[in-house]
Amino acid sequence: MRRIALIYNRYVMVIGMTSYLAVGGVFKQTKITQAYALVINAFTLVLLPKALWEASQSMIMAGWLPPFMWIIPYIQNSISYAVIAYTLISRCYRDAMLLDLELVIKQLNREMSRTGKQMNSKLQRIFLLKTFTLTYLCCAYIMAIFFWRWGDSWIYLMKTLLMNMSFNILIASTYFYFVTLWQIARGYDFVNQRLQEITTSEWDDLKEQVEELRSLWALHTNLSRTAKRINRHYGPQMLASRFDHFIFSIMNGYMGMIYAHRPGGSSVEKVYGFFLYIIRSLDFFLNDYICDLMTQYQSEPKSTLTEGHMSKELSSYVIYEHSIRLNLLVCGLYPANRNRWLHMIISIIVHSILLLQFHMVMNQK
């Protein structure tokens, strides 16, 4: 897990998403990393629009996209650029959250090491699945250059590389959101397990139980505070990413169906586009799923704790937990959960069908 996090940190620093470098489990920022991130951000923001404009023109001139749909590549690339620009401009807020998350992770790891607790296997599988989707998408965007653009002029090759690396920013930004909520969910799961142990164990000295409850209380408070800060500062980013994914799914779904029925189209390109579309949908689903899972762990019923005798400290803690409920709304608009993702998928299907109907009507004229 730590090695995966270290590789991710190195990669996002290379593409300019952060100026903090993880060294020995501690995030450090230097003048060199600050200057590097600033230069890469400026380079991307200035040169990316031209690369996306030329990519849109190339798609129109390819011949398989209907002339009446010429605006689709421009709309999609314009929205992608806007989200990428916002992601890079808001880098300072994301870097600040790294430091807060580092403190929570250290406290959680210390408590798990002290009590001998292991990570939930379900959380492990979700983390590995999310890492797989991130790795697949990043590699797919980069490898596409070598398969289909190799042999072009080096200027065109560099523009394509810049564009595909920028698309990786869209994927990597949601990965940070996922990892932060995953760490919070891991903390809540540990709190639930540890609280169950404290209440079912026989304590010779009640002071030890009180100390354990205080440690658990402090951890739970930090987890809740950090979750609310992440939701507040990262809400606009996730709203923008959701809108970008919504537009990407509709327009690429439409263009994919048009290209799939194109006579003489490459089967390799069709398979590549299909898996890219499916894996990106799965990747975004995991963002909503981890938020749903975190809320589930935080609000897990504590009815078994109320049975039998309860000490004053335990009673106070149970009252505290019942009074804390995470109501995390993205920019105060909607909760990020599996139901919201399903509603989005239904909307994507409906709008894709509308585009196909428009396509069929225009072809009959």
Protein backbone atom coordinates (compact mmCIF):
# COMPACT_ATOMS: atom_id res chain seq x y z
CA MET A 1 0.00 0.00 0.00
CA ARG A 2 2.75 2.43 0.93
CA ARG A 3 4.68 1.67 -2.23
CA ILE A 4 1.59 2.36 -4.34
CA ALA A 5 1.05 5.67 -2.53
CA LEU A 6 4.72 6.57 -3.07
CA ILE A 7 4.54 5.85 -6.82
CA TYR A 8 1.36 7.88 -7.12
CA ASN A 9 2.93 10.81 -5.28
CA ARG A 10 5.93 10.78 -7.61
CA TYR A 11 3.73 10.65 -10.68
CA VAL A 12 1.39 13.49 -9.70
CA MET A 13 4.41 15.61 -8.84
CA VAL A 14 5.84 14.99 -12.32
CA ILE A 15 2.62 16.15 -14.02
CA GLY A 16 2.41 19.20 -11.73
CA MET A 17 -0.52 18.30 -9.49
CA THR A 18 1.39 18.80 -6.25
CA SER A 19 4.57 20.38 -4.99
CA TYR A 20 4.86 18.02 -2.01
CA LEU A 21 7.15 15.00 -2.15
CA ALA A 22 6.67 12.02 0.17
CA VAL A 23 9.98 11.20 1.89
CA GLY A 24 10.02 8.62 4.65
CA GLY A 25 6.27 8.87 5.16
CA VAL A 26 6.41 12.67 5.51
CA PHE A 27 5.29 15.20 2.89
CA LYS A 28 8.00 17.77 2.22
CA GLN A 29 7.97 20.85 0.03
CA THR A 30 11.08 22.62 -1.23
CA LYS A 31 11.68 25.67 -3.37
CA ILE A 32 12.71 23.37 -6.21
CA THR A 33 9.44 21.37 -6.12
CA GLN A 34 7.44 24.61 -5.84
CA ALA A 35 9.20 26.12 -8.84
CA TYR A 36 8.87 22.91 -10.84
CA ALA A 37 5.12 22.63 -10.19
CA LEU A 38 4.62 26.30 -11.10
CA VAL A 39 6.52 25.95 -14.39
CA ILE A 40 4.71 22.73 -15.37
CA ASN A 41 1.32 24.27 -14.53
CA ALA A 42 2.05 27.38 -16.61
CA PHE A 43 3.39 25.25 -19.47
CA THR A 44 0.24 23.11 -19.46
CA LEU A 45 -2.24 25.98 -19.18
CA VAL A 46 -0.63 27.95 -22.01
CA LEU A 47 0.09 25.20 -24.56
CA LEU A 48 -2.80 22.79 -23.93
CA PRO A 49 -5.57 24.88 -25.65
CA LYS A 50 -3.78 24.80 -29.01
CA ALA A 51 -3.16 21.06 -28.74
CA LEU A 52 -6.83 20.39 -27.96
CA TRP A 53 -7.96 22.69 -30.78
CA GLU A 54 -5.81 20.83 -33.31
CA ALA A 55 -7.01 17.47 -31.94
CA SER A 56 -10.63 18.58 -32.45
CA GLN A 57 -9.87 19.63 -36.02
CA SER A 58 -8.16 16.30 -36.73
CA MET A 59 -11.18 14.40 -35.45
CA ILE A 60 -13.51 16.38 -37.73
CA MET A 61 -11.29 15.83 -40.76
CA ALA A 62 -11.04 12.08 -40.07
CA GLY A 63 -14.25 11.60 -42.06
CA TRP A 64 -16.18 9.19 -39.82
CA LEU A 65 -17.81 11.89 -37.66
CA PRO A 66 -20.98 13.31 -39.31
CA PRO A 67 -20.58 16.94 -40.50
CA PHE A 68 -23.59 18.08 -38.46
CA MET A 69 -21.82 16.88 -35.29
CA TRP A 70 -18.67 18.93 -35.86
CA ILE A 71 -19.11 20.80 -32.58
CA ILE A 72 -18.86 17.70 -30.34
CA PRO A 73 -15.02 17.51 -30.15
CA TYR A 74 -14.80 21.25 -29.41
CA ILE A 75 -17.35 21.03 -26.58
CA GLN A 76 -15.74 17.99 -25.00
CA ASN A 77 -12.19 19.32 -25.18
CA SER A 78 -13.25 22.78 -23.93
CA ILE A 79 -14.87 21.25 -20.85
CA SER A 80 -11.86 19.02 -20.24
CA TYR A 81 -9.53 22.02 -20.43
CA ALA A 82 -11.69 24.01 -18.00
CA VAL A 83 -11.61 21.17 -15.45
CA ILE A 84 -7.86 20.65 -15.91
CA ALA A 85 -7.25 24.38 -15.47
CA TYR A 86 -9.31 24.47 -12.28
CA THR A 87 -7.48 21.39 -10.96
CA LEU A 88 -4.08 23.02 -11.46
CA ILE A 89 -5.13 26.45 -10.19
CA SER A 90 -6.61 24.96 -7.00
CA ARG A 91 -3.44 22.96 -6.27
CA CYS A 92 -2.71 24.93 -3.09
CA TYR A 93 -5.94 23.69 -1.43
CA ARG A 94 -5.15 20.11 -2.34
CA ASP A 95 -1.63 20.46 -0.96
CA ALA A 96 -3.01 21.82 2.32
CA MET A 97 -5.24 18.77 2.64
CA LEU A 98 -2.19 16.53 2.28
CA LEU A 99 -0.76 17.85 5.53
CA ASP A 100 -4.05 17.36 7.40
CA LEU A 101 -4.37 13.86 6.01
CA GLU A 102 -0.81 13.03 7.02
CA LEU A 103 -1.57 13.76 10.69
CA VAL A 104 -4.70 11.60 10.67
CA ILE A 105 -2.89 8.71 8.95
CA LYS A 106 -0.07 8.81 11.51
CA GLN A 107 -2.56 8.79 14.40
CA LEU A 108 -4.53 5.93 12.85
CA ASN A 109 -1.44 3.83 12.06
CA ARG A 110 -0.15 4.39 15.58
CA GLU A 111 -3.41 3.18 17.12
CA MET A 112 -3.64 0.15 14.80
CA SER A 113 -0.04 -0.81 15.52
CA ARG A 114 -0.57 -0.45 19.28
CA THR A 115 -3.70 -2.61 19.30
CA GLY A 116 -2.50 -5.11 16.69
CA LYS A 117 -5.43 -4.49 14.34
CA GLN A 118 -5.34 -5.31 10.64
CA MET A 119 -6.97 -3.51 7.76
CA ASN A 120 -10.39 -4.59 6.58
CA SER A 121 -10.02 -6.95 3.59
CA LYS A 122 -12.92 -5.24 1.81
CA LEU A 123 -11.11 -1.91 1.97
CA GLN A 124 -7.95 -3.55 0.65
CA ARG A 125 -9.78 -4.91 -2.39
CA ILE A 126 -11.42 -1.57 -3.13
CA PHE A 127 -8.08 0.23 -2.91
CA LEU A 128 -6.39 -2.24 -5.26
CA LEU A 129 -9.28 -2.01 -7.71
CA LYS A 130 -9.10 1.78 -7.74
CA THR A 131 -5.34 1.62 -8.23
CA PHE A 132 -5.86 -0.75 -11.15
CA THR A 133 -8.33 1.61 -12.87
CA LEU A 134 -5.99 4.57 -12.36
CA THR A 135 -2.99 2.64 -13.72
CA TYR A 136 -4.93 1.28 -16.69
CA LEU A 137 -6.28 4.69 -17.71
CA CYS A 138 -2.96 6.50 -17.33
CA CYS A 139 -1.09 3.81 -19.28
CA ALA A 140 -3.81 3.63 -21.94
CA TYR A 141 -3.59 7.35 -22.67
CA ILE A 142 0.21 7.26 -22.87
CA MET A 143 0.50 4.00 -24.83
CA ALA A 144 -1.98 5.30 -27.43
CA ILE A 145 0.73 7.72 -28.57
CA PHE A 146 3.17 4.92 -29.38
CA PHE A 147 0.58 2.75 -31.13
CA TRP A 148 -1.17 5.33 -33.31
CA ARG A 149 0.99 8.46 -33.39
CA TRP A 150 4.48 7.01 -33.62
CA GLY A 151 6.10 8.15 -36.85
CA ASP A 152 4.44 11.57 -36.93
CA SER A 153 6.50 14.74 -36.63
CA TRP A 154 8.05 15.26 -33.24
CA ILE A 155 6.10 18.51 -32.76
CA TYR A 156 2.80 16.72 -33.29
CA LEU A 157 4.02 13.89 -31.05
CA MET A 158 4.84 16.31 -28.22
CA LYS A 159 1.44 17.99 -28.53
CA THR A 160 -0.27 14.61 -28.30
CA LEU A 161 1.86 13.70 -25.29
CA LEU A 162 0.93 16.99 -23.58
CA MET A 163 -2.75 16.39 -24.27
CA ASN A 164 -2.76 12.80 -23.00
CA MET A 165 -0.72 13.68 -19.91
CA SER A 166 -3.25 16.42 -19.19
CA PHE A 167 -6.07 13.90 -19.46
CA ASN A 168 -4.26 11.93 -16.77
CA ILE A 169 -4.72 14.95 -14.49
CA LEU A 170 -8.49 14.39 -14.70
CA ILE A 171 -8.04 10.79 -13.55
CA ALA A 172 -5.38 11.41 -10.89
CA SER A 173 -7.33 14.25 -9.22
CA THR A 174 -10.23 11.92 -8.36
CA TYR A 175 -7.75 9.32 -7.08
CA PHE A 176 -6.57 11.73 -4.39
CA TYR A 177 -10.20 12.31 -3.38
CA PHE A 178 -10.71 8.55 -3.23
CA VAL A 179 -7.59 7.91 -1.14
CA THR A 180 -8.46 10.59 1.42
CA LEU A 181 -11.97 9.20 1.95
CA TRP A 182 -10.56 5.66 1.92
CA GLN A 183 -8.25 6.57 4.80
CA ILE A 184 -11.19 8.08 6.70
CA ALA A 185 -13.27 4.93 6.08
CA ARG A 186 -10.35 2.82 7.31
CA GLY A 187 -10.27 4.91 10.47
CA TYR A 188 -14.00 4.56 11.13
CA ASP A 189 -13.79 0.80 10.59
CA PHE A 190 -10.98 0.60 13.14
CA VAL A 191 -13.00 2.68 15.62
CA ASN A 192 -15.98 0.33 15.28
CA GLN A 193 -13.84 -2.78 15.79
CA ARG A 194 -11.96 -1.30 18.72
CA LEU A 195 -15.14 -0.05 20.40
CA GLN A 196 -16.64 -3.52 20.15
CA GLU A 197 -13.55 -4.96 21.85
CA ILE A 198 -13.57 -2.37 24.63
CA THR A 199 -17.20 -3.02 25.51
CA THR A 200 -16.96 -6.83 25.44
CA SER A 201 -13.64 -7.22 27.29
CA GLU A 202 -13.27 -7.66 31.03
CA TRP A 203 -11.34 -4.76 32.55
CA ASP A 204 -9.57 -5.21 35.90
CA ASP A 205 -8.80 -1.50 35.98
CA LEU A 206 -11.54 0.82 34.70
CA LYS A 207 -8.95 3.56 34.22
CA GLU A 208 -7.49 1.59 31.32
CA GLN A 209 -10.92 1.42 29.70
CA VAL A 210 -11.34 5.16 30.15
CA GLU A 211 -7.95 5.83 28.52
CA GLU A 212 -8.83 3.60 25.59
CA LEU A 213 -12.13 5.42 25.13
CA ARG A 214 -10.37 8.78 25.22
CA SER A 215 -7.92 7.67 22.51
CA LEU A 216 -10.80 6.38 20.43
CA TRP A 217 -12.76 9.58 20.98
CA ALA A 218 -9.82 11.74 19.87
CA LEU A 219 -9.32 9.64 16.72
CA HIS A 220 -13.02 9.73 15.84
CA THR A 221 -13.10 13.51 16.27
CA ASN A 222 -10.08 13.99 13.99
CA LEU A 223 -11.58 11.68 11.38
CA SER A 224 -14.88 13.56 11.33
CA ARG A 225 -13.18 16.96 11.21
CA THR A 226 -10.90 15.90 8.37
CA ALA A 227 -13.80 14.36 6.39
CA LYS A 228 -15.75 17.62 6.61
CA ARG A 229 -12.74 19.67 5.53
CA ILE A 230 -12.09 17.36 2.58
CA ASN A 231 -15.71 17.66 1.50
CA ARG A 232 -15.68 21.45 1.85
CA HIS A 233 -12.41 22.10 0.00
CA TYR A 234 -12.68 19.29 -2.55
CA GLY A 235 -16.40 19.71 -3.34
CA PRO A 236 -15.97 22.10 -6.31
CA GLN A 237 -13.29 19.82 -7.78
CA MET A 238 -15.56 16.77 -7.63
CA LEU A 239 -18.48 18.74 -9.04
CA ALA A 240 -16.33 19.79 -11.99
CA SER A 241 -14.98 16.24 -12.41
CA ARG A 242 -18.50 14.80 -12.36
CA PHE A 243 -19.63 17.23 -15.04
CA ASP A 244 -16.58 16.38 -17.17
CA HIS A 245 -17.24 12.65 -16.76
CA PHE A 246 -20.92 13.19 -17.62
CA ILE A 247 -20.07 15.00 -20.87
CA PHE A 248 -17.27 12.52 -21.67
CA SER A 249 -19.62 9.53 -21.25
CA ILE A 250 -22.40 10.99 -23.38
CA MET A 251 -20.27 12.22 -26.26
CA ASN A 252 -17.80 9.35 -26.32
CA GLY A 253 -20.67 6.89 -26.03
CA TYR A 254 -22.25 8.46 -29.11
CA MET A 255 -18.99 8.70 -31.06
CA GLY A 256 -18.06 5.17 -30.06
CA MET A 257 -21.28 3.76 -31.47
CA ILE A 258 -20.81 5.73 -34.68
CA TYR A 259 -17.20 4.55 -35.03
CA ALA A 260 -18.12 0.95 -34.17
CA HIS A 261 -20.49 0.79 -37.16
CA ARG A 262 -18.03 2.48 -39.48
CA PRO A 263 -17.01 0.17 -42.32
CA GLY A 264 -13.33 -0.64 -42.35
CA GLY A 265 -12.66 0.62 -38.82
CA SER A 266 -9.78 -0.91 -36.89
CA SER A 267 -10.92 -3.61 -34.45
CA VAL A 268 -7.99 -2.76 -32.15
CA GLU A 269 -9.14 0.85 -31.89
CA LYS A 270 -12.70 -0.29 -31.16
CA VAL A 271 -11.59 -2.61 -28.36
CA TYR A 272 -9.27 0.08 -26.99
CA GLY A 273 -12.08 2.66 -26.92
CA PHE A 274 -14.57 0.21 -25.38
CA PHE A 275 -12.33 -0.74 -22.46
CA LEU A 276 -11.26 2.88 -21.93
CA TYR A 277 -14.93 3.86 -21.65
CA ILE A 278 -15.83 0.99 -19.29
CA ILE A 279 -12.80 1.36 -17.02
CA ARG A 280 -13.29 5.11 -16.72
CA SER A 281 -16.94 4.53 -15.70
CA LEU A 282 -15.80 2.01 -13.09
CA ASP A 283 -13.14 4.42 -11.88
CA PHE A 284 -15.70 7.15 -11.25
CA PHE A 285 -18.12 4.70 -9.62
CA LEU A 286 -15.47 3.88 -7.00
CA ASN A 287 -15.35 7.57 -5.98
CA ASP A 288 -19.04 7.52 -5.09
CA TYR A 289 -18.80 4.06 -3.58
CA ILE A 290 -16.04 4.94 -1.11
CA CYS A 291 -17.97 8.01 0.03
CA ASP A 292 -21.03 5.81 0.59
CA LEU A 293 -18.93 3.22 2.43
CA MET A 294 -17.30 5.85 4.65
CA THR A 295 -20.72 7.19 5.68
CA GLN A 296 -21.88 3.64 6.34
CA TYR A 297 -18.94 2.92 8.66
CA GLN A 298 -19.39 6.25 10.45
CA SER A 299 -23.10 5.69 11.11
CA GLU A 300 -22.87 1.99 11.95
CA PRO A 301 -25.55 1.15 14.58
CA LYS A 302 -24.30 0.86 18.16
CA SER A 303 -27.38 -0.88 19.53
CA THR A 304 -25.35 -3.77 21.01
CA LEU A 305 -23.42 -1.31 23.18
CA THR A 306 -26.53 -0.24 25.06
CA GLU A 307 -27.17 -3.73 26.41
CA GLY A 308 -26.09 -4.31 29.99
CA HIS A 309 -24.20 -1.99 32.31
CA MET A 310 -22.49 1.05 30.81
CA SER A 311 -19.94 3.21 32.50
CA LYS A 312 -20.32 6.98 32.53
CA GLU A 313 -17.48 7.42 30.02
CA LEU A 314 -18.85 4.79 27.64
CA SER A 315 -22.31 6.34 27.82
CA SER A 316 -20.87 9.77 27.00
CA TYR A 317 -19.00 8.34 24.02
CA VAL A 318 -22.08 6.58 22.64
CA ILE A 319 -24.09 9.81 22.96
CA TYR A 320 -21.30 11.67 21.16
CA GLU A 321 -21.23 9.18 18.27
CA HIS A 322 -25.00 9.30 17.86
CA SER A 323 -24.87 13.10 17.74
CA ILE A 324 -22.24 13.13 14.98
CA ARG A 325 -23.64 12.31 11.56
CA LEU A 326 -21.76 13.05 8.37
CA ASN A 327 -24.02 14.71 5.86
CA LEU A 328 -21.48 15.31 3.14
CA LEU A 329 -23.01 17.15 0.20
CA VAL A 330 -20.91 18.10 -2.83
CA CYS A 331 -21.06 21.91 -2.83
CA GLY A 332 -24.27 21.58 -0.80
CA LEU A 333 -26.08 20.11 -3.84
CA TYR A 334 -26.16 16.32 -3.59
CA PRO A 335 -24.64 13.41 -1.64
CA ALA A 336 -22.00 11.33 -3.43
CA ASN A 337 -23.17 7.73 -3.18
CA ARG A 338 -24.11 4.71 -5.30
CA ASN A 339 -27.64 5.97 -5.90
CA ARG A 340 -26.29 9.24 -7.30
CA TRP A 341 -23.96 7.33 -9.61
CA LEU A 342 -26.86 5.20 -10.84
CA HIS A 343 -28.92 8.33 -11.53
CA MET A 344 -26.00 9.75 -13.50
CA ILE A 345 -25.68 6.57 -15.56
CA ILE A 346 -29.40 6.71 -16.40
CA SER A 347 -29.01 10.34 -17.51
CA ILE A 348 -26.00 9.40 -19.64
CA ILE A 349 -27.97 6.64 -21.37
CA VAL A 350 -30.96 8.94 -21.99
CA HIS A 351 -28.83 11.74 -23.48
CA SER A 352 -26.83 9.28 -25.59
CA ILE A 353 -30.09 7.93 -27.04
CA LEU A 354 -31.20 11.48 -27.81
CA LEU A 355 -27.96 12.09 -29.72
CA LEU A 356 -28.46 8.87 -31.69
CA GLN A 357 -32.03 9.85 -32.52
CA PHE A 358 -30.82 13.22 -33.75
CA HIS A 359 -28.15 11.43 -35.79
CA MET A 360 -30.72 9.16 -37.42
CA VAL A 361 -33.06 12.05 -38.24
CA MET A 362 -30.27 14.12 -39.79
CA ASN A 363 -29.08 11.17 -41.88
CA GLN A 364 -32.53 10.79 -43.41
CA LYS A 365 -32.49 14.34 -44.75
